[in-house]
């Protein structure tokens, strides 16, 4: 898709094989695994997919001060009738609460709107992931609907997801100096 995408506090760069160990560390952290783990897919397989995703999907390493603090994905729909993209993100808990996730999402959203030409973005947090939902709403994402029994959790049980979307004009800009 592209090279480096600079944000206010982070930069996004396409994931590389050298990121494998750090991605595994991020996805294995209990606070991340709670939302990302798949009961039937080992973390190593998830990392393998992140490093070689399906066509239309790009994985980014989220960097802050030259440290990989997270993983962000863009899923692009190329059909001109439905030209939109999806985003997914995981920031290592040691780096949460510093505005880095907010900057990473805003940075990728701006790129997908202005450079890639999408008119709408979607994100689908777990319905009970209140902190993620608050973060997404602070950027302008709106709840669209609850998806019942949407994802299988690490324990094998199904849980609901919340579909949220964002139009370009709804993206909340960064405050000056942030």
C-alpha atoms as a PDB file:
ATOM      1  CA  UNK A   1       0.000   0.000   0.000  1.00  0.00           C
ATOM      2  CA  UNK A   2       2.590   2.557   1.044  1.00  0.00           C
ATOM      3  CA  UNK A   3       5.720   3.270   3.026  1.00  0.00           C
ATOM      4  CA  UNK A   4       5.934   5.240   6.246  1.00  0.00           C
ATOM      5  CA  UNK A   5       2.903   7.168   7.443  1.00  0.00           C
ATOM      6  CA  UNK A   6       3.851   9.812  10.011  1.00  0.00           C
ATOM      7  CA  UNK A   7       1.441  10.808  12.754  1.00  0.00           C
ATOM      8  CA  UNK A   8       1.742  13.402  15.506  1.00  0.00           C
ATOM      9  CA  UNK A   9       3.153  10.947  18.055  1.00  0.00           C
ATOM     10  CA  UNK A  10       3.553   7.672  16.172  1.00  0.00           C
ATOM     11  CA  UNK A  11       4.570   6.517  12.766  1.00  0.00           C
ATOM     12  CA  UNK A  12       3.128   3.588  10.895  1.00  0.00           C
ATOM     13  CA  UNK A  13       5.326   1.420   8.734  1.00  0.00           C
ATOM     14  CA  UNK A  14       4.543  -1.758   6.851  1.00  0.00           C
ATOM     15  CA  UNK A  15       5.183  -4.789   9.035  1.00  0.00           C
ATOM     16  CA  UNK A  16       8.328  -6.796   8.323  1.00  0.00           C
ATOM     17  CA  UNK A  17       9.592 -10.258   9.256  1.00  0.00           C
ATOM     18  CA  UNK A  18      11.783  -8.619  11.907  1.00  0.00           C
ATOM     19  CA  UNK A  19       8.573  -7.649  13.759  1.00  0.00           C
ATOM     20  CA  UNK A  20       7.516 -11.258  14.385  1.00  0.00           C
ATOM     21  CA  UNK A  21       8.841 -11.595  17.949  1.00  0.00           C
ATOM     22  CA  UNK A  22       7.468  -8.208  19.029  1.00  0.00           C
ATOM     23  CA  UNK A  23       4.069  -8.923  17.449  1.00  0.00           C
ATOM     24  CA  UNK A  24       3.956 -12.261  19.263  1.00  0.00           C
ATOM     25  CA  UNK A  25       4.820 -10.497  22.518  1.00  0.00           C
ATOM     26  CA  UNK A  26       2.034  -7.950  21.979  1.00  0.00           C
ATOM     27  CA  UNK A  27      -0.617 -10.522  21.029  1.00  0.00           C
ATOM     28  CA  UNK A  28       0.392 -12.845  23.885  1.00  0.00           C
ATOM     29  CA  UNK A  29      -0.052 -10.207  26.583  1.00  0.00           C
ATOM     30  CA  UNK A  30      -3.164 -11.186  28.595  1.00  0.00           C
ATOM     31  CA  UNK A  31      -4.735  -7.730  28.201  1.00  0.00           C
ATOM     32  CA  UNK A  32      -4.455  -8.043  24.403  1.00  0.00           C
ATOM     33  CA  UNK A  33      -5.131 -11.770  24.132  1.00  0.00           C
ATOM     34  CA  UNK A  34      -8.440 -11.152  25.906  1.00  0.00           C
ATOM     35  CA  UNK A  35      -9.654  -9.371  22.763  1.00  0.00           C
ATOM     36  CA  UNK A  36      -7.463 -10.847  20.005  1.00  0.00           C
ATOM     37  CA  UNK A  37      -6.888 -14.485  20.926  1.00  0.00           C
ATOM     38  CA  UNK A  38      -8.471 -17.243  18.926  1.00  0.00           C
ATOM     39  CA  UNK A  39      -9.144 -20.505  20.745  1.00  0.00           C
ATOM     40  CA  UNK A  40      -8.272 -22.476  17.625  1.00  0.00           C
ATOM     41  CA  UNK A  41      -5.321 -20.490  16.243  1.00  0.00           C
ATOM     42  CA  UNK A  42      -1.934 -20.260  17.957  1.00  0.00           C
ATOM     43  CA  UNK A  43      -0.425 -16.789  18.325  1.00  0.00           C
ATOM     44  CA  UNK A  44       2.428 -17.781  16.002  1.00  0.00           C
ATOM     45  CA  UNK A  45      -0.126 -18.438  13.241  1.00  0.00           C
ATOM     46  CA  UNK A  46      -1.781 -15.064  13.874  1.00  0.00           C
ATOM     47  CA  UNK A  47       1.612 -13.375  13.571  1.00  0.00           C
ATOM     48  CA  UNK A  48       2.338 -15.300  10.382  1.00  0.00           C
ATOM     49  CA  UNK A  49      -0.914 -13.939   8.909  1.00  0.00           C
ATOM     50  CA  UNK A  50      -0.094 -10.390  10.051  1.00  0.00           C
ATOM     51  CA  UNK A  51       3.229 -10.572   8.245  1.00  0.00           C
ATOM     52  CA  UNK A  52       1.679 -12.021   5.077  1.00  0.00           C
ATOM     53  CA  UNK A  53      -1.985 -10.946   5.043  1.00  0.00           C
ATOM     54  CA  UNK A  54      -4.615 -11.449   2.384  1.00  0.00           C
ATOM     55  CA  UNK A  55      -4.723  -9.157  -0.637  1.00  0.00           C
ATOM     56  CA  UNK A  56      -6.314  -5.844   0.297  1.00  0.00           C
ATOM     57  CA  UNK A  57      -5.008  -6.014   3.863  1.00  0.00           C
ATOM     58  CA  UNK A  58      -1.950  -4.155   5.122  1.00  0.00           C
ATOM     59  CA  UNK A  59      -0.362  -4.660   8.525  1.00  0.00           C
ATOM     60  CA  UNK A  60       1.540  -1.799  10.112  1.00  0.00           C
ATOM     61  CA  UNK A  61       3.962  -1.703  13.007  1.00  0.00           C
ATOM     62  CA  UNK A  62       3.004   1.248  15.208  1.00  0.00           C
ATOM     63  CA  UNK A  63       6.227   2.949  16.324  1.00  0.00           C
ATOM     64  CA  UNK A  64       6.830   5.562  19.006  1.00  0.00           C
ATOM     65  CA  UNK A  65      10.389   6.788  19.535  1.00  0.00           C
ATOM     66  CA  UNK A  66      11.642   3.888  17.353  1.00  0.00           C
ATOM     67  CA  UNK A  67       9.933   1.288  19.580  1.00  0.00           C
ATOM     68  CA  UNK A  68       7.190  -0.960  18.172  1.00  0.00           C
ATOM     69  CA  UNK A  69       4.314  -0.286  20.565  1.00  0.00           C
ATOM     70  CA  UNK A  70       1.499  -1.831  18.565  1.00  0.00           C
ATOM     71  CA  UNK A  71      -0.005  -3.408  15.486  1.00  0.00           C
ATOM     72  CA  UNK A  72      -2.542  -1.802  13.157  1.00  0.00           C
ATOM     73  CA  UNK A  73      -4.316  -3.253  10.148  1.00  0.00           C
ATOM     74  CA  UNK A  74      -6.188  -1.760   7.218  1.00  0.00           C
ATOM     75  CA  UNK A  75      -8.637  -3.936   5.274  1.00  0.00           C
ATOM     76  CA  UNK A  76      -9.534  -2.255   1.993  1.00  0.00           C
ATOM     77  CA  UNK A  77     -12.582  -2.959  -0.135  1.00  0.00           C
ATOM     78  CA  UNK A  78     -11.639  -2.160  -3.719  1.00  0.00           C
ATOM     79  CA  UNK A  79     -15.094  -2.438  -5.324  1.00  0.00           C
ATOM     80  CA  UNK A  80     -15.978   1.172  -6.298  1.00  0.00           C
ATOM     81  CA  UNK A  81     -19.608   0.578  -5.276  1.00  0.00           C
ATOM     82  CA  UNK A  82     -18.486  -0.178  -1.696  1.00  0.00           C
ATOM     83  CA  UNK A  83     -15.144   1.658  -1.441  1.00  0.00           C
ATOM     84  CA  UNK A  84     -14.490   1.561   2.293  1.00  0.00           C
ATOM     85  CA  UNK A  85     -11.867   0.217   4.666  1.00  0.00           C
ATOM     86  CA  UNK A  86     -11.722  -1.445   8.059  1.00  0.00           C
ATOM     87  CA  UNK A  87      -9.217  -0.859  10.816  1.00  0.00           C
ATOM     88  CA  UNK A  88      -8.020  -3.047  13.665  1.00  0.00           C
ATOM     89  CA  UNK A  89      -5.452  -2.138  16.316  1.00  0.00           C
ATOM     90  CA  UNK A  90      -3.608  -3.495  19.337  1.00  0.00           C
ATOM     91  CA  UNK A  91      -1.338  -1.311  21.459  1.00  0.00           C
ATOM     92  CA  UNK A  92       0.852  -3.066  24.046  1.00  0.00           C
ATOM     93  CA  UNK A  93      -0.578  -2.306  27.510  1.00  0.00           C
ATOM     94  CA  UNK A  94       2.733  -0.777  28.654  1.00  0.00           C
ATOM     95  CA  UNK A  95       2.092   1.985  26.084  1.00  0.00           C
ATOM     96  CA  UNK A  96      -1.650   2.479  26.541  1.00  0.00           C
ATOM     97  CA  UNK A  97      -3.084   5.625  28.095  1.00  0.00           C
ATOM     98  CA  UNK A  98      -0.582   7.920  26.364  1.00  0.00           C
ATOM     99  CA  UNK A  99      -2.611   8.887  23.300  1.00  0.00           C
ATOM    100  CA  UNK A 100      -0.600   6.618  20.996  1.00  0.00           C
ATOM    101  CA  UNK A 101      -3.570   4.462  19.975  1.00  0.00           C
ATOM    102  CA  UNK A 102      -5.622   7.577  19.291  1.00  0.00           C
ATOM    103  CA  UNK A 103      -2.866   8.993  17.118  1.00  0.00           C
ATOM    104  CA  UNK A 104      -2.363   5.680  15.309  1.00  0.00           C
ATOM    105  CA  UNK A 105      -6.048   5.372  14.444  1.00  0.00           C
ATOM    106  CA  UNK A 106      -6.362   9.024  13.397  1.00  0.00           C
ATOM    107  CA  UNK A 107      -3.183   8.754  11.291  1.00  0.00           C
ATOM    108  CA  UNK A 108      -4.363   5.647   9.456  1.00  0.00           C
ATOM    109  CA  UNK A 109      -7.889   7.067   9.054  1.00  0.00           C
ATOM    110  CA  UNK A 110      -6.553  10.280   7.501  1.00  0.00           C
ATOM    111  CA  UNK A 111      -4.372   8.220   5.156  1.00  0.00           C
ATOM    112  CA  UNK A 112      -7.250   5.959   4.120  1.00  0.00           C
ATOM    113  CA  UNK A 113      -9.506   8.955   3.460  1.00  0.00           C
ATOM    114  CA  UNK A 114      -7.074  11.343   1.755  1.00  0.00           C
ATOM    115  CA  UNK A 115      -4.526   9.097   0.059  1.00  0.00           C
ATOM    116  CA  UNK A 116      -6.442   5.871  -0.542  1.00  0.00           C
ATOM    117  CA  UNK A 117      -9.778   7.522  -1.384  1.00  0.00           C
ATOM    118  CA  UNK A 118     -12.121   5.675   0.962  1.00  0.00           C
ATOM    119  CA  UNK A 119     -15.358   7.364   1.989  1.00  0.00           C
ATOM    120  CA  UNK A 120     -16.108   5.302   5.087  1.00  0.00           C
ATOM    121  CA  UNK A 121     -14.150   3.339   7.687  1.00  0.00           C
ATOM    122  CA  UNK A 122     -15.405   0.586   9.964  1.00  0.00           C
ATOM    123  CA  UNK A 123     -14.087  -0.878  13.187  1.00  0.00           C
ATOM    124  CA  UNK A 124     -15.617  -3.720  15.199  1.00  0.00           C
ATOM    125  CA  UNK A 125     -14.578  -3.904  18.853  1.00  0.00           C
ATOM    126  CA  UNK A 126     -15.982  -6.460  21.250  1.00  0.00           C
ATOM    127  CA  UNK A 127     -19.258  -5.039  22.577  1.00  0.00           C
ATOM    128  CA  UNK A 128     -17.931  -5.159  26.143  1.00  0.00           C
ATOM    129  CA  UNK A 129     -14.580  -3.493  25.330  1.00  0.00           C
ATOM    130  CA  UNK A 130     -15.720  -0.182  26.800  1.00  0.00           C
ATOM    131  CA  UNK A 131     -12.323   1.564  26.697  1.00  0.00           C
ATOM    132  CA  UNK A 132     -11.865   0.802  22.991  1.00  0.00           C
ATOM    133  CA  UNK A 133     -15.397   1.965  22.199  1.00  0.00           C
ATOM    134  CA  UNK A 134     -14.835   5.243  24.091  1.00  0.00           C
ATOM    135  CA  UNK A 135     -11.576   5.797  22.207  1.00  0.00           C
ATOM    136  CA  UNK A 136     -13.207   5.178  18.827  1.00  0.00           C
ATOM    137  CA  UNK A 137     -16.128   7.473  19.685  1.00  0.00           C
ATOM    138  CA  UNK A 138     -13.676  10.221  20.686  1.00  0.00           C
ATOM    139  CA  UNK A 139     -12.358  10.105  17.113  1.00  0.00           C
ATOM    140  CA  UNK A 140     -15.851  10.343  15.604  1.00  0.00           C
ATOM    141  CA  UNK A 141     -16.762   6.680  15.047  1.00  0.00           C
ATOM    142  CA  UNK A 142     -20.485   6.045  15.508  1.00  0.00           C
ATOM    143  CA  UNK A 143     -22.124   2.799  16.639  1.00  0.00           C
ATOM    144  CA  UNK A 144     -23.971   1.188  13.753  1.00  0.00           C
ATOM    145  CA  UNK A 145     -25.206  -2.000  15.359  1.00  0.00           C
ATOM    146  CA  UNK A 146     -24.545  -4.876  17.696  1.00  0.00           C
ATOM    147  CA  UNK A 147     -23.449  -8.107  16.038  1.00  0.00           C
ATOM    148  CA  UNK A 148     -24.647 -10.992  18.193  1.00  0.00           C
ATOM    149  CA  UNK A 149     -22.328 -13.958  18.811  1.00  0.00           C
ATOM    150  CA  UNK A 150     -19.826 -12.255  16.506  1.00  0.00           C
ATOM    151  CA  UNK A 151     -16.447 -13.599  17.656  1.00  0.00           C
ATOM    152  CA  UNK A 152     -15.191 -16.622  19.487  1.00  0.00           C
ATOM    153  CA  UNK A 153     -13.162 -15.699  22.564  1.00  0.00           C
ATOM    154  CA  UNK A 154     -10.022 -17.395  23.891  1.00  0.00           C
ATOM    155  CA  UNK A 155     -12.196 -19.737  25.991  1.00  0.00           C
ATOM    156  CA  UNK A 156     -14.148 -20.830  22.908  1.00  0.00           C
ATOM    157  CA  UNK A 157     -17.384 -18.990  23.799  1.00  0.00           C
ATOM    158  CA  UNK A 158     -19.037 -16.542  21.444  1.00  0.00           C
ATOM    159  CA  UNK A 159     -19.314 -12.839  22.292  1.00  0.00           C
ATOM    160  CA  UNK A 160     -20.981  -9.855  20.696  1.00  0.00           C
ATOM    161  CA  UNK A 161     -19.246  -7.213  18.623  1.00  0.00           C
ATOM    162  CA  UNK A 162     -20.128  -3.581  18.016  1.00  0.00           C
ATOM    163  CA  UNK A 163     -19.947  -2.372  14.424  1.00  0.00           C
ATOM    164  CA  UNK A 164     -18.877   1.277  14.247  1.00  0.00           C
ATOM    165  CA  UNK A 165     -18.271   3.488  11.238  1.00  0.00           C
ATOM    166  CA  UNK A 166     -16.666   6.814  10.443  1.00  0.00           C
ATOM    167  CA  UNK A 167     -17.145   9.153   7.489  1.00  0.00           C
ATOM    168  CA  UNK A 168     -14.325  11.502   6.522  1.00  0.00           C
ATOM    169  CA  UNK A 169     -16.230  14.567   7.696  1.00  0.00           C
ATOM    170  CA  UNK A 170     -16.776  12.987  11.137  1.00  0.00           C
ATOM    171  CA  UNK A 171     -13.086  12.402  11.927  1.00  0.00           C
ATOM    172  CA  UNK A 172     -12.180  14.507  14.946  1.00  0.00           C
ATOM    173  CA  UNK A 173      -8.958  16.398  14.158  1.00  0.00           C
ATOM    174  CA  UNK A 174      -5.985  16.357  16.488  1.00  0.00           C
ATOM    175  CA  UNK A 175      -5.779  19.264  18.889  1.00  0.00           C
ATOM    176  CA  UNK A 176      -2.944  21.681  18.271  1.00  0.00           C
ATOM    177  CA  UNK A 177       0.175  20.493  20.052  1.00  0.00           C
ATOM    178  CA  UNK A 178      -1.014  16.915  20.518  1.00  0.00           C
END
